[in-house]
Structure formats: C-alpha cells, structure tokens
Amino acid sequence: MAAPTRQRALCFDGYAVLYSGDSKTPVYAVQRLTRSSLIAANGLPRSDRFYPEARLPVADRAQLEDYRDSGYDRGHMAPAGDMPTLAAKDQSFSLANMVPQHPQLNQKAWNQIEAATRKYAMRAATDVYVFTGPQFGRSPASIGPSKVWVPAATWKVVYVPSERRSWAYWMRNDAGPHSLQPVEYSDYLKRGGPDVLPQTIH
C-alpha cells in the first residue's frame, strides 16, 4: 500500500489533520466530540464554500479544479455536521480536509456512519475521539492537475478513553453496497489502517 509522505499537522477550530503534500489529502483527521459541542453544532448552516488551504505550499495543495468533473465528491474527513461554530464549520470545507470519495459512498453509507457517530457521542458520558482517513492502494489513481490521490477505502475509528473502548468502520471507495457494521480495532489494523490509539488499550 502506498504511504503518503511530506506530512505536516494543521490545526483548525473544530479538528486537526495530519496532511500529506504527496497525496494532497489528509493522512487522517482527528476530532473531540462532546454532547455540548454537538448540541451547539445542531442546525448551524453550511456554507459549502470549499477552498484550497493557503497555509500549505502551492505544490502541496489540492485545488478546486482538481475535483471538477472528476466523478468524485469532495469527501469531508472531519464532517461539517460535527462543527460547533460557524467559523469551525466554514473551516471544515478546507480542501486539506477532503479526499476524492465516490458519490454513492459519500452521500449514503458514509453520511450514515457520521450520523451514527454523532448519535453515540450525544449519549456518551465523556469525550469521544474520532479519527478518520483514507487508505490508498499500491498504485493510487489520481485526479486533477495537482494529482490528488484517490483512496481505495476510507475508515473511521471511534475511541472512548473513559471506557477503554474503540471500534472502526472500513468502507471501499466505490458504489457499494457498503456494510454499516463496525469492525474490531484489531481487524482495522489488519486491513492496513494506521495505529492511532494508545498501545495500552490494544
């Protein structure tokens, strides 16, 4: 599997990403969800104004034209629906938070697991941490003049430190059908997902 390089951390109001100038996508995004932050997020309007990330060198950025007529959606890794302020929601439309995602995945199954994760975090007694990212095949296809890598799959890991619980979702980046069933963290690792959790909980 291809491992994207030229990595750097970017912090936003509602999330952070480890970003790759090689793939022009996140390696993963990370969020802290709480009941209060999700209550604040509920009903906030979306701007839908996608933008290239000016903090990145031009050579490392995805651009709006990369996605145009590509056949892929600009798939959020940290969802706009999780963002607790208008500023955070606007920042979620940075192309540094996007991967090329098949429309059938992005608009259906992926949207459903984002909603399921929010529903869990609303009920949780303590903070919930969510890691989301792409998994690339051995020789990734790319889109646009910037050659943004197209993932073979996208994944999400949900971690509840107070309960020492974690689970993951793993979905092929295609038209599906896609299973909404979570998988064990150990199974996620076997599929090639990066180890994002403390060793003490494995």
N, C-alpha and C. Protein backbone atom coordinates (compact mmCIF):
# COMPACT_ATOMS: atom_id res chain seq x y z
N MET A 1 0.84 -1.20 0.00
CA MET A 1 0.00 0.00 0.00
C MET A 1 0.87 1.25 0.00
N ALA A 2 0.44 2.25 -0.75
CA ALA A 2 1.21 3.48 -0.84
C ALA A 2 1.09 4.28 0.45
N ALA A 3 2.23 4.79 0.92
CA ALA A 3 2.24 5.58 2.16
C ALA A 3 2.57 7.03 1.79
N PRO A 4 1.62 7.95 1.94
CA PRO A 4 1.87 9.33 1.56
C PRO A 4 2.91 10.00 2.47
N THR A 5 3.78 10.79 1.87
CA THR A 5 4.86 11.46 2.60
C THR A 5 4.62 12.97 2.64
N ARG A 6 5.70 13.72 2.98
CA ARG A 6 5.63 15.18 3.13
C ARG A 6 4.48 15.54 4.05
N GLN A 7 4.53 15.01 5.26
CA GLN A 7 3.43 15.17 6.21
C GLN A 7 3.64 16.39 7.11
N ARG A 8 2.52 17.04 7.44
CA ARG A 8 2.55 18.16 8.38
C ARG A 8 1.21 18.22 9.10
N ALA A 9 1.23 18.75 10.32
CA ALA A 9 0.00 18.89 11.11
C ALA A 9 -0.62 20.25 10.85
N LEU A 10 -1.94 20.27 10.72
CA LEU A 10 -2.69 21.51 10.56
C LEU A 10 -3.81 21.52 11.60
N CYS A 11 -3.91 22.60 12.37
CA CYS A 11 -4.97 22.71 13.37
C CYS A 11 -6.04 23.69 12.91
N PHE A 12 -7.28 23.31 13.09
CA PHE A 12 -8.44 24.13 12.80
C PHE A 12 -9.24 24.29 14.10
N ASP A 13 -10.29 25.10 14.09
CA ASP A 13 -11.07 25.34 15.32
C ASP A 13 -11.73 24.07 15.83
N GLY A 14 -12.24 23.22 14.90
CA GLY A 14 -13.01 22.06 15.33
C GLY A 14 -12.36 20.71 15.09
N TYR A 15 -11.16 20.71 14.54
CA TYR A 15 -10.48 19.45 14.22
C TYR A 15 -9.03 19.73 13.89
N ALA A 16 -8.26 18.67 13.74
CA ALA A 16 -6.88 18.79 13.26
C ALA A 16 -6.66 17.71 12.21
N VAL A 17 -5.73 17.96 11.30
CA VAL A 17 -5.38 16.93 10.32
C VAL A 17 -3.87 16.73 10.30
N LEU A 18 -3.49 15.49 10.07
CA LEU A 18 -2.13 15.19 9.61
C LEU A 18 -2.25 15.12 8.10
N TYR A 19 -1.58 16.03 7.42
CA TYR A 19 -1.79 16.23 5.98
C TYR A 19 -0.56 15.78 5.21
N SER A 20 -0.78 15.28 4.01
CA SER A 20 0.32 14.86 3.14
C SER A 20 0.36 15.71 1.87
N GLY A 21 1.50 16.34 1.63
CA GLY A 21 1.70 17.06 0.38
C GLY A 21 1.95 16.13 -0.78
N ASP A 22 2.15 14.86 -0.50
CA ASP A 22 2.33 13.84 -1.54
C ASP A 22 0.97 13.46 -2.12
N SER A 23 0.03 13.07 -1.24
CA SER A 23 -1.30 12.65 -1.69
C SER A 23 -2.24 13.83 -1.91
N LYS A 24 -1.91 15.01 -1.34
CA LYS A 24 -2.78 16.20 -1.35
C LYS A 24 -4.09 15.93 -0.60
N THR A 25 -4.01 15.10 0.42
CA THR A 25 -5.16 14.74 1.25
C THR A 25 -4.70 14.63 2.71
N PRO A 26 -5.66 14.54 3.64
CA PRO A 26 -5.26 14.15 4.99
C PRO A 26 -4.70 12.73 5.01
N VAL A 27 -3.76 12.49 5.90
CA VAL A 27 -3.42 11.12 6.29
C VAL A 27 -4.52 10.65 7.24
N TYR A 28 -4.91 11.54 8.14
CA TYR A 28 -6.14 11.38 8.91
C TYR A 28 -6.52 12.71 9.55
N ALA A 29 -7.79 12.81 9.92
CA ALA A 29 -8.30 13.93 10.71
C ALA A 29 -8.66 13.41 12.09
N VAL A 30 -8.56 14.27 13.10
CA VAL A 30 -8.93 13.87 14.46
C VAL A 30 -9.83 14.94 15.08
N GLN A 31 -10.84 14.48 15.81
CA GLN A 31 -11.80 15.36 16.47
C GLN A 31 -12.06 14.89 17.89
N ARG A 32 -12.48 15.83 18.74
CA ARG A 32 -13.01 15.50 20.07
C ARG A 32 -14.47 15.91 20.08
N LEU A 33 -15.35 14.94 20.24
CA LEU A 33 -16.79 15.20 20.25
C LEU A 33 -17.32 15.13 21.68
N THR A 34 -18.18 16.08 22.02
CA THR A 34 -18.86 16.07 23.31
C THR A 34 -20.34 16.35 23.05
N ARG A 35 -21.14 16.02 24.02
CA ARG A 35 -22.57 16.31 23.90
C ARG A 35 -22.79 17.81 23.68
N SER A 36 -22.10 18.64 24.46
CA SER A 36 -22.30 20.09 24.35
C SER A 36 -21.87 20.62 22.99
N SER A 37 -20.76 20.09 22.44
CA SER A 37 -20.31 20.59 21.13
C SER A 37 -21.29 20.18 20.03
N LEU A 38 -21.87 18.99 20.15
CA LEU A 38 -22.82 18.54 19.13
C LEU A 38 -24.16 19.27 19.24
N ILE A 39 -24.56 19.61 20.45
CA ILE A 39 -25.77 20.43 20.61
C ILE A 39 -25.54 21.80 19.94
N ALA A 40 -24.35 22.36 20.14
CA ALA A 40 -24.02 23.65 19.52
C ALA A 40 -24.00 23.54 17.99
N ALA A 41 -23.57 22.39 17.49
CA ALA A 41 -23.46 22.19 16.03
C ALA A 41 -24.82 22.04 15.36
N ASN A 42 -25.79 21.57 16.12
CA ASN A 42 -27.09 21.23 15.53
C ASN A 42 -27.77 22.45 14.92
N GLY A 43 -28.07 22.35 13.64
CA GLY A 43 -28.82 23.43 12.97
C GLY A 43 -27.99 24.56 12.41
N LEU A 44 -26.67 24.56 12.65
CA LEU A 44 -25.84 25.61 12.06
C LEU A 44 -25.82 25.46 10.54
N PRO A 45 -25.97 26.55 9.80
CA PRO A 45 -25.98 26.44 8.33
C PRO A 45 -24.61 26.11 7.76
N ARG A 46 -24.63 25.37 6.65
CA ARG A 46 -23.39 25.05 5.92
C ARG A 46 -23.13 26.14 4.89
N SER A 47 -21.87 26.51 4.75
CA SER A 47 -21.52 27.47 3.70
C SER A 47 -21.32 26.76 2.36
N ASP A 48 -20.82 25.52 2.41
CA ASP A 48 -20.47 24.76 1.20
C ASP A 48 -19.46 25.52 0.34
N ARG A 49 -18.66 26.36 0.96
CA ARG A 49 -17.62 27.08 0.22
C ARG A 49 -16.29 26.36 0.42
N PHE A 50 -15.99 25.48 -0.50
CA PHE A 50 -14.73 24.74 -0.47
C PHE A 50 -13.61 25.69 -0.88
N TYR A 51 -12.43 25.49 -0.27
CA TYR A 51 -11.32 26.39 -0.60
C TYR A 51 -9.98 25.67 -0.44
N PRO A 52 -8.99 26.04 -1.28
CA PRO A 52 -7.65 25.48 -1.11
C PRO A 52 -7.00 26.04 0.15
N GLU A 53 -6.19 25.24 0.80
CA GLU A 53 -5.61 25.62 2.09
C GLU A 53 -4.37 26.49 1.90
N ALA A 54 -4.51 27.78 2.22
CA ALA A 54 -3.44 28.75 1.96
C ALA A 54 -2.22 28.55 2.85
N ARG A 55 -2.37 27.81 3.96
CA ARG A 55 -1.21 27.58 4.83
C ARG A 55 -0.23 26.56 4.25
N LEU A 56 -0.64 25.89 3.18
CA LEU A 56 0.22 24.88 2.55
C LEU A 56 0.99 25.48 1.39
N PRO A 57 2.21 24.98 1.13
CA PRO A 57 2.89 25.39 -0.10
C PRO A 57 2.03 25.05 -1.31
N VAL A 58 2.08 25.89 -2.33
CA VAL A 58 1.24 25.70 -3.52
C VAL A 58 1.44 24.29 -4.09
N ALA A 59 2.65 23.80 -4.09
CA ALA A 59 2.93 22.48 -4.67
C ALA A 59 2.30 21.34 -3.88
N ASP A 60 1.93 21.60 -2.63
CA ASP A 60 1.35 20.56 -1.77
C ASP A 60 -0.17 20.65 -1.65
N ARG A 61 -0.79 21.64 -2.29
CA ARG A 61 -2.22 21.87 -2.11
C ARG A 61 -3.05 21.15 -3.16
N ALA A 62 -4.23 20.68 -2.73
CA ALA A 62 -5.29 20.36 -3.68
C ALA A 62 -5.97 21.68 -4.07
N GLN A 63 -6.46 21.73 -5.31
CA GLN A 63 -7.14 22.92 -5.81
C GLN A 63 -8.57 22.56 -6.21
N LEU A 64 -9.43 23.56 -6.29
CA LEU A 64 -10.83 23.33 -6.63
C LEU A 64 -10.96 22.62 -7.97
N GLU A 65 -10.11 22.99 -8.93
CA GLU A 65 -10.23 22.38 -10.27
C GLU A 65 -9.84 20.91 -10.30
N ASP A 66 -9.12 20.44 -9.27
CA ASP A 66 -8.77 19.02 -9.24
C ASP A 66 -10.01 18.14 -9.16
N TYR A 67 -11.01 18.60 -8.44
CA TYR A 67 -12.22 17.80 -8.24
C TYR A 67 -13.26 18.03 -9.34
N ARG A 68 -13.14 19.13 -10.08
CA ARG A 68 -14.15 19.49 -11.07
C ARG A 68 -14.22 18.42 -12.17
N ASP A 69 -15.41 17.89 -12.42
CA ASP A 69 -15.64 16.87 -13.46
C ASP A 69 -14.81 15.61 -13.26
N SER A 70 -14.40 15.35 -12.01
CA SER A 70 -13.57 14.16 -11.74
C SER A 70 -14.41 12.91 -11.55
N GLY A 71 -15.71 13.08 -11.26
CA GLY A 71 -16.55 11.94 -10.92
C GLY A 71 -16.53 11.62 -9.44
N TYR A 72 -15.74 12.36 -8.66
CA TYR A 72 -15.64 12.13 -7.21
C TYR A 72 -16.17 13.34 -6.45
N ASP A 73 -16.77 13.07 -5.30
CA ASP A 73 -17.14 14.13 -4.36
C ASP A 73 -15.91 14.59 -3.58
N ARG A 74 -15.99 15.79 -3.06
CA ARG A 74 -15.00 16.26 -2.07
C ARG A 74 -15.51 15.73 -0.72
N GLY A 75 -14.94 14.64 -0.29
CA GLY A 75 -15.43 13.95 0.90
C GLY A 75 -14.75 14.44 2.16
N HIS A 76 -15.55 15.04 3.06
CA HIS A 76 -15.01 15.50 4.35
C HIS A 76 -14.47 14.32 5.15
N MET A 77 -13.32 14.50 5.78
CA MET A 77 -12.84 13.54 6.78
C MET A 77 -13.37 13.96 8.16
N ALA A 78 -13.23 15.23 8.53
CA ALA A 78 -13.92 15.76 9.72
C ALA A 78 -15.21 16.40 9.22
N PRO A 79 -16.39 15.85 9.56
CA PRO A 79 -17.64 16.28 8.94
C PRO A 79 -18.06 17.70 9.34
N ALA A 80 -18.64 18.40 8.38
CA ALA A 80 -19.18 19.73 8.67
C ALA A 80 -20.26 19.66 9.75
N GLY A 81 -21.03 18.57 9.76
CA GLY A 81 -22.12 18.43 10.73
C GLY A 81 -21.68 18.32 12.17
N ASP A 82 -20.40 18.08 12.41
CA ASP A 82 -19.88 17.98 13.79
C ASP A 82 -19.43 19.33 14.34
N MET A 83 -19.34 20.35 13.50
CA MET A 83 -18.64 21.58 13.88
C MET A 83 -19.53 22.48 14.74
N PRO A 84 -19.02 22.95 15.90
CA PRO A 84 -19.86 23.64 16.89
C PRO A 84 -20.02 25.14 16.70
N THR A 85 -19.30 25.73 15.74
CA THR A 85 -19.43 27.17 15.48
C THR A 85 -19.45 27.38 13.97
N LEU A 86 -19.91 28.56 13.56
CA LEU A 86 -19.92 28.88 12.13
C LEU A 86 -18.50 28.91 11.58
N ALA A 87 -17.56 29.45 12.36
CA ALA A 87 -16.17 29.51 11.89
C ALA A 87 -15.61 28.10 11.71
N ALA A 88 -15.87 27.21 12.68
CA ALA A 88 -15.38 25.84 12.56
C ALA A 88 -16.01 25.13 11.37
N LYS A 89 -17.30 25.37 11.16
CA LYS A 89 -17.98 24.73 10.03
C LYS A 89 -17.39 25.23 8.71
N ASP A 90 -17.15 26.55 8.61
CA ASP A 90 -16.52 27.09 7.40
C ASP A 90 -15.15 26.45 7.17
N GLN A 91 -14.39 26.29 8.24
CA GLN A 91 -13.04 25.72 8.11
C GLN A 91 -13.07 24.25 7.70
N SER A 92 -14.19 23.58 7.96
CA SER A 92 -14.26 22.16 7.57
C SER A 92 -14.28 21.98 6.06
N PHE A 93 -14.49 23.08 5.30
CA PHE A 93 -14.52 23.00 3.85
C PHE A 93 -13.15 23.24 3.22
N SER A 94 -12.11 23.34 4.04
CA SER A 94 -10.74 23.38 3.50
C SER A 94 -10.48 22.10 2.71
N LEU A 95 -9.86 22.22 1.56
CA LEU A 95 -9.52 21.03 0.78
C LEU A 95 -8.48 20.16 1.49
N ALA A 96 -7.84 20.71 2.54
CA ALA A 96 -6.94 19.90 3.35
C ALA A 96 -7.69 18.87 4.18
N ASN A 97 -9.03 18.98 4.22
CA ASN A 97 -9.88 18.06 4.98
C ASN A 97 -10.64 17.10 4.05
N MET A 98 -10.28 17.08 2.77
CA MET A 98 -11.04 16.32 1.77
C MET A 98 -10.22 15.19 1.15
N VAL A 99 -10.95 14.15 0.74
CA VAL A 99 -10.41 13.12 -0.15
C VAL A 99 -11.41 12.91 -1.29
N PRO A 100 -10.95 12.46 -2.46
CA PRO A 100 -11.88 12.10 -3.52
C PRO A 100 -12.69 10.87 -3.11
N GLN A 101 -13.98 11.03 -2.94
CA GLN A 101 -14.84 9.96 -2.45
C GLN A 101 -15.95 9.69 -3.47
N HIS A 102 -16.20 8.41 -3.70
CA HIS A 102 -17.25 8.05 -4.65
C HIS A 102 -18.58 8.63 -4.16
N PRO A 103 -19.37 9.25 -5.05
CA PRO A 103 -20.63 9.87 -4.60
C PRO A 103 -21.57 8.91 -3.89
N GLN A 104 -21.64 7.65 -4.33
CA GLN A 104 -22.53 6.69 -3.69
C GLN A 104 -22.09 6.38 -2.27
N LEU A 105 -20.79 6.43 -2.02
CA LEU A 105 -20.29 6.24 -0.66
C LEU A 105 -20.51 7.51 0.17
N ASN A 106 -20.05 8.64 -0.35
CA ASN A 106 -20.09 9.89 0.40
C ASN A 106 -21.51 10.27 0.81
N GLN A 107 -22.45 10.13 -0.09
CA GLN A 107 -23.79 10.64 0.15
C GLN A 107 -24.70 9.64 0.85
N LYS A 108 -24.28 8.40 0.92
CA LYS A 108 -25.14 7.39 1.54
C LYS A 108 -24.48 6.77 2.77
N ALA A 109 -23.72 5.69 2.60
CA ALA A 109 -23.21 4.94 3.76
C ALA A 109 -22.30 5.80 4.63
N TRP A 110 -21.44 6.61 4.02
CA TRP A 110 -20.51 7.43 4.81
C TRP A 110 -21.27 8.45 5.64
N ASN A 111 -22.27 9.05 5.04
CA ASN A 111 -23.12 10.00 5.75
C ASN A 111 -23.82 9.32 6.93
N GLN A 112 -24.21 8.06 6.74
CA GLN A 112 -24.89 7.33 7.81
C GLN A 112 -23.97 7.02 8.98
N ILE A 113 -22.69 6.68 8.70
CA ILE A 113 -21.81 6.39 9.83
C ILE A 113 -21.40 7.68 10.55
N GLU A 114 -21.33 8.80 9.82
CA GLU A 114 -21.10 10.08 10.50
C GLU A 114 -22.26 10.37 11.47
N ALA A 115 -23.48 10.14 11.00
CA ALA A 115 -24.65 10.38 11.85
C ALA A 115 -24.67 9.43 13.04
N ALA A 116 -24.30 8.16 12.82
CA ALA A 116 -24.27 7.17 13.91
C ALA A 116 -23.23 7.55 14.96
N THR A 117 -22.10 8.09 14.50
CA THR A 117 -21.05 8.50 15.43
C THR A 117 -21.51 9.69 16.27
N ARG A 118 -22.19 10.64 15.65
CA ARG A 118 -22.74 11.76 16.40
C ARG A 118 -23.77 11.28 17.43
N LYS A 119 -24.61 10.34 17.02
CA LYS A 119 -25.65 9.83 17.91
C LYS A 119 -25.02 9.17 19.14
N TYR A 120 -23.94 8.40 18.92
CA TYR A 120 -23.25 7.77 20.05
C TYR A 120 -22.66 8.85 20.96
N ALA A 121 -21.98 9.83 20.38
CA ALA A 121 -21.31 10.86 21.18
C ALA A 121 -22.32 11.69 21.98
N MET A 122 -23.52 11.86 21.45
CA MET A 122 -24.56 12.58 22.18
C MET A 122 -24.97 11.83 23.45
N ARG A 123 -24.90 10.51 23.41
CA ARG A 123 -25.31 9.69 24.57
C ARG A 123 -24.16 9.43 25.53
N ALA A 124 -22.93 9.60 25.07
CA ALA A 124 -21.76 9.23 25.87
C ALA A 124 -21.62 10.15 27.08
N ALA A 125 -21.15 9.58 28.17
CA ALA A 125 -20.99 10.36 29.40
C ALA A 125 -19.74 11.22 29.37
N THR A 126 -18.78 10.85 28.52
CA THR A 126 -17.50 11.57 28.47
C THR A 126 -17.11 11.82 27.01
N ASP A 127 -15.94 12.45 26.83
CA ASP A 127 -15.47 12.81 25.49
C ASP A 127 -15.28 11.58 24.61
N VAL A 128 -15.53 11.77 23.32
CA VAL A 128 -15.32 10.73 22.31
C VAL A 128 -14.34 11.29 21.29
N TYR A 129 -13.33 10.51 20.96
CA TYR A 129 -12.33 10.93 19.97
C TYR A 129 -12.56 10.15 18.69
N VAL A 130 -12.49 10.85 17.56
CA VAL A 130 -12.78 10.24 16.27
C VAL A 130 -11.63 10.53 15.32
N PHE A 131 -11.09 9.48 14.72
CA PHE A 131 -10.03 9.57 13.72
C PHE A 131 -10.61 9.08 12.40
N THR A 132 -10.36 9.82 11.32
CA THR A 132 -10.94 9.47 10.02
C THR A 132 -9.89 9.69 8.94
N GLY A 133 -9.78 8.75 8.02
CA GLY A 133 -8.79 8.93 6.97
C GLY A 133 -8.97 8.01 5.78
N PRO A 134 -8.10 8.18 4.79
CA PRO A 134 -8.13 7.36 3.59
C PRO A 134 -7.11 6.22 3.68
N GLN A 135 -7.38 5.15 2.96
CA GLN A 135 -6.39 4.09 2.76
C GLN A 135 -6.14 3.98 1.26
N PHE A 136 -4.88 4.07 0.86
CA PHE A 136 -4.53 4.06 -0.55
C PHE A 136 -4.03 2.69 -0.98
N GLY A 137 -4.34 2.33 -2.23
CA GLY A 137 -3.83 1.09 -2.79
C GLY A 137 -2.35 1.21 -3.14
N ARG A 138 -1.82 0.16 -3.75
CA ARG A 138 -0.38 0.12 -4.03
C ARG A 138 0.03 1.20 -5.04
N SER A 139 -0.81 1.42 -6.04
CA SER A 139 -0.53 2.45 -7.06
C SER A 139 -1.78 3.30 -7.22
N PRO A 140 -1.97 4.29 -6.37
CA PRO A 140 -3.24 5.04 -6.37
C PRO A 140 -3.47 5.79 -7.68
N ALA A 141 -4.73 5.78 -8.15
CA ALA A 141 -5.12 6.68 -9.21
C ALA A 141 -5.13 8.10 -8.65
N SER A 142 -5.17 9.09 -9.52
CA SER A 142 -5.20 10.47 -9.06
C SER A 142 -6.14 11.28 -9.95
N ILE A 143 -6.53 12.44 -9.44
CA ILE A 143 -7.41 13.34 -10.19
C ILE A 143 -6.79 14.72 -10.27
N GLY A 144 -7.10 15.43 -11.36
CA GLY A 144 -6.77 16.84 -11.49
C GLY A 144 -5.32 17.14 -11.77
N PRO A 145 -5.04 18.40 -12.09
CA PRO A 145 -3.67 18.83 -12.36
C PRO A 145 -2.72 18.62 -11.18
N SER A 146 -3.27 18.69 -9.94
CA SER A 146 -2.42 18.51 -8.75
C SER A 146 -2.18 17.05 -8.41
N LYS A 147 -2.87 16.15 -9.13
CA LYS A 147 -2.74 14.71 -8.91
C LYS A 147 -3.09 14.32 -7.46
N VAL A 148 -4.31 14.63 -7.08
CA VAL A 148 -4.82 14.25 -5.76
C VAL A 148 -5.10 12.75 -5.76
N TRP A 149 -4.51 12.05 -4.81
CA TRP A 149 -4.66 10.59 -4.77
C TRP A 149 -6.10 10.19 -4.45
N VAL A 150 -6.55 9.13 -5.11
CA VAL A 150 -7.89 8.58 -4.87
C VAL A 150 -7.76 7.38 -3.93
N PRO A 151 -8.41 7.39 -2.76
CA PRO A 151 -8.29 6.27 -1.83
C PRO A 151 -8.97 5.01 -2.36
N ALA A 152 -8.43 3.87 -1.95
CA ALA A 152 -9.10 2.59 -2.19
C ALA A 152 -10.23 2.39 -1.18
N ALA A 153 -10.07 2.98 0.01
CA ALA A 153 -11.06 2.86 1.08
C ALA A 153 -10.95 4.08 1.98
N THR A 154 -12.01 4.32 2.75
CA THR A 154 -11.94 5.32 3.82
C THR A 154 -12.37 4.65 5.12
N TRP A 155 -11.83 5.13 6.23
CA TRP A 155 -12.05 4.49 7.53
C TRP A 155 -12.33 5.54 8.60
N LYS A 156 -12.93 5.07 9.67
CA LYS A 156 -13.20 5.93 10.83
C LYS A 156 -13.00 5.09 12.08
N VAL A 157 -12.24 5.60 13.05
CA VAL A 157 -12.02 4.95 14.34
C VAL A 157 -12.66 5.82 15.42
N VAL A 158 -13.46 5.19 16.27
CA VAL A 158 -14.11 5.88 17.39
C VAL A 158 -13.49 5.34 18.68
N TYR A 159 -13.03 6.25 19.54
CA TYR A 159 -12.29 5.87 20.76
C TYR A 159 -12.90 6.60 21.95
N VAL A 160 -13.24 5.82 22.98
CA VAL A 160 -13.82 6.36 24.21
C VAL A 160 -12.84 6.06 25.35
N PRO A 161 -11.93 6.99 25.68
CA PRO A 161 -10.89 6.70 26.67
C PRO A 161 -11.43 6.26 28.03
N SER A 162 -12.51 6.88 28.48
CA SER A 162 -13.02 6.58 29.82
C SER A 162 -13.53 5.15 29.93
N GLU A 163 -13.91 4.57 28.80
CA GLU A 163 -14.42 3.19 28.79
C GLU A 163 -13.42 2.20 28.20
N ARG A 164 -12.26 2.74 27.75
CA ARG A 164 -11.24 1.91 27.09
C ARG A 164 -11.88 1.10 25.95
N ARG A 165 -12.76 1.76 25.22
CA ARG A 165 -13.48 1.12 24.11
C ARG A 165 -13.08 1.78 22.80
N SER A 166 -13.03 0.98 21.75
CA SER A 166 -12.81 1.53 20.42
C SER A 166 -13.46 0.60 19.39
N TRP A 167 -13.81 1.16 18.27
CA TRP A 167 -14.29 0.38 17.13
C TRP A 167 -14.01 1.18 15.88
N ALA A 168 -14.20 0.54 14.75
CA ALA A 168 -13.84 1.19 13.48
C ALA A 168 -14.86 0.85 12.40
N TYR A 169 -14.87 1.70 11.39
CA TYR A 169 -15.62 1.44 10.15
C TYR A 169 -14.61 1.45 9.01
N TRP A 170 -14.84 0.59 8.04
CA TRP A 170 -13.93 0.49 6.89
C TRP A 170 -14.80 0.31 5.65
N MET A 171 -14.71 1.23 4.71
CA MET A 171 -15.58 1.18 3.54
C MET A 171 -14.77 1.37 2.27
N ARG A 172 -14.97 0.47 1.30
CA ARG A 172 -14.35 0.62 0.00
C ARG A 172 -14.85 1.91 -0.66
N ASN A 173 -13.97 2.56 -1.38
CA ASN A 173 -14.32 3.82 -2.04
C ASN A 173 -14.92 3.54 -3.42
N ASP A 174 -16.14 2.98 -3.40
CA ASP A 174 -16.81 2.62 -4.64
C ASP A 174 -18.32 2.77 -4.46
N ALA A 175 -19.08 2.30 -5.43
CA ALA A 175 -20.53 2.47 -5.41
C ALA A 175 -21.23 1.52 -4.44
N GLY A 176 -20.51 0.60 -3.87
CA GLY A 176 -21.09 -0.31 -2.87
C GLY A 176 -21.70 -1.54 -3.51
N PRO A 177 -22.52 -2.28 -2.72
CA PRO A 177 -23.07 -1.89 -1.42
C PRO A 177 -22.00 -1.87 -0.31
N HIS A 178 -22.27 -1.09 0.73
CA HIS A 178 -21.37 -0.94 1.86
C HIS A 178 -22.04 -1.40 3.13
N SER A 179 -21.30 -2.13 3.95
CA SER A 179 -21.82 -2.56 5.24
C SER A 179 -21.64 -1.45 6.26
N LEU A 180 -22.69 -1.22 7.06
CA LEU A 180 -22.61 -0.23 8.13
C LEU A 180 -22.14 -0.83 9.44
N GLN A 181 -21.80 -2.11 9.42
CA GLN A 181 -21.36 -2.77 10.65
C GLN A 181 -19.95 -2.35 11.02
N PRO A 182 -19.72 -1.98 12.28
CA PRO A 182 -18.36 -1.66 12.70
C PRO A 182 -17.51 -2.92 12.78
N VAL A 183 -16.19 -2.72 12.77
CA VAL A 183 -15.24 -3.83 12.90
C VAL A 183 -14.38 -3.59 14.14
N GLU A 184 -13.79 -4.65 14.65
CA GLU A 184 -12.87 -4.52 15.79
C GLU A 184 -11.64 -3.72 15.36
N TYR A 185 -11.05 -3.03 16.33
CA TYR A 185 -9.85 -2.25 16.03
C TYR A 185 -8.73 -3.16 15.50
N SER A 186 -8.62 -4.36 16.02
CA SER A 186 -7.59 -5.30 15.56
C SER A 186 -7.81 -5.66 14.09
N ASP A 187 -9.06 -5.78 13.66
CA ASP A 187 -9.37 -6.08 12.26
C ASP A 187 -9.02 -4.88 11.38
N TYR A 188 -9.33 -3.69 11.88
CA TYR A 188 -8.95 -2.46 11.17
C TYR A 188 -7.44 -2.41 10.93
N LEU A 189 -6.66 -2.75 11.95
CA LEU A 189 -5.20 -2.75 11.80
C LEU A 189 -4.75 -3.78 10.77
N LYS A 190 -5.38 -4.95 10.76
CA LYS A 190 -5.02 -6.00 9.79
C LYS A 190 -5.28 -5.55 8.36
N ARG A 191 -6.27 -4.67 8.18
CA ARG A 191 -6.58 -4.17 6.84
C ARG A 191 -5.62 -3.07 6.39
N GLY A 192 -4.72 -2.66 7.29
CA GLY A 192 -3.71 -1.68 6.93
C GLY A 192 -3.96 -0.29 7.46
N GLY A 193 -4.96 -0.12 8.34
CA GLY A 193 -5.20 1.19 8.92
C GLY A 193 -4.08 1.60 9.87
N PRO A 194 -3.75 2.89 9.93
CA PRO A 194 -2.69 3.33 10.84
C PRO A 194 -3.10 3.17 12.30
N ASP A 195 -2.13 2.88 13.15
CA ASP A 195 -2.39 2.69 14.57
C ASP A 195 -2.46 4.06 15.23
N VAL A 196 -3.67 4.53 15.52
CA VAL A 196 -3.87 5.87 16.03
C VAL A 196 -4.16 5.91 17.53
N LEU A 197 -4.27 4.74 18.17
CA LEU A 197 -4.67 4.68 19.57
C LEU A 197 -3.49 4.32 20.48
N PRO A 198 -3.60 4.66 21.77
CA PRO A 198 -2.53 4.32 22.72
C PRO A 198 -2.32 2.80 22.77
N GLN A 199 -1.07 2.40 22.87
CA GLN A 199 -0.76 0.96 22.92
C GLN A 199 -1.41 0.26 24.10
N THR A 200 -1.68 1.00 25.14
CA THR A 200 -2.21 0.38 26.37
C THR A 200 -3.61 -0.18 26.20
N ILE A 201 -4.33 0.23 25.15
CA ILE A 201 -5.68 -0.29 25.00
C ILE A 201 -5.78 -1.44 23.99
N HIS A 202 -4.67 -1.79 23.36
CA HIS A 202 -4.72 -2.86 22.35
C HIS A 202 -4.92 -4.21 23.03
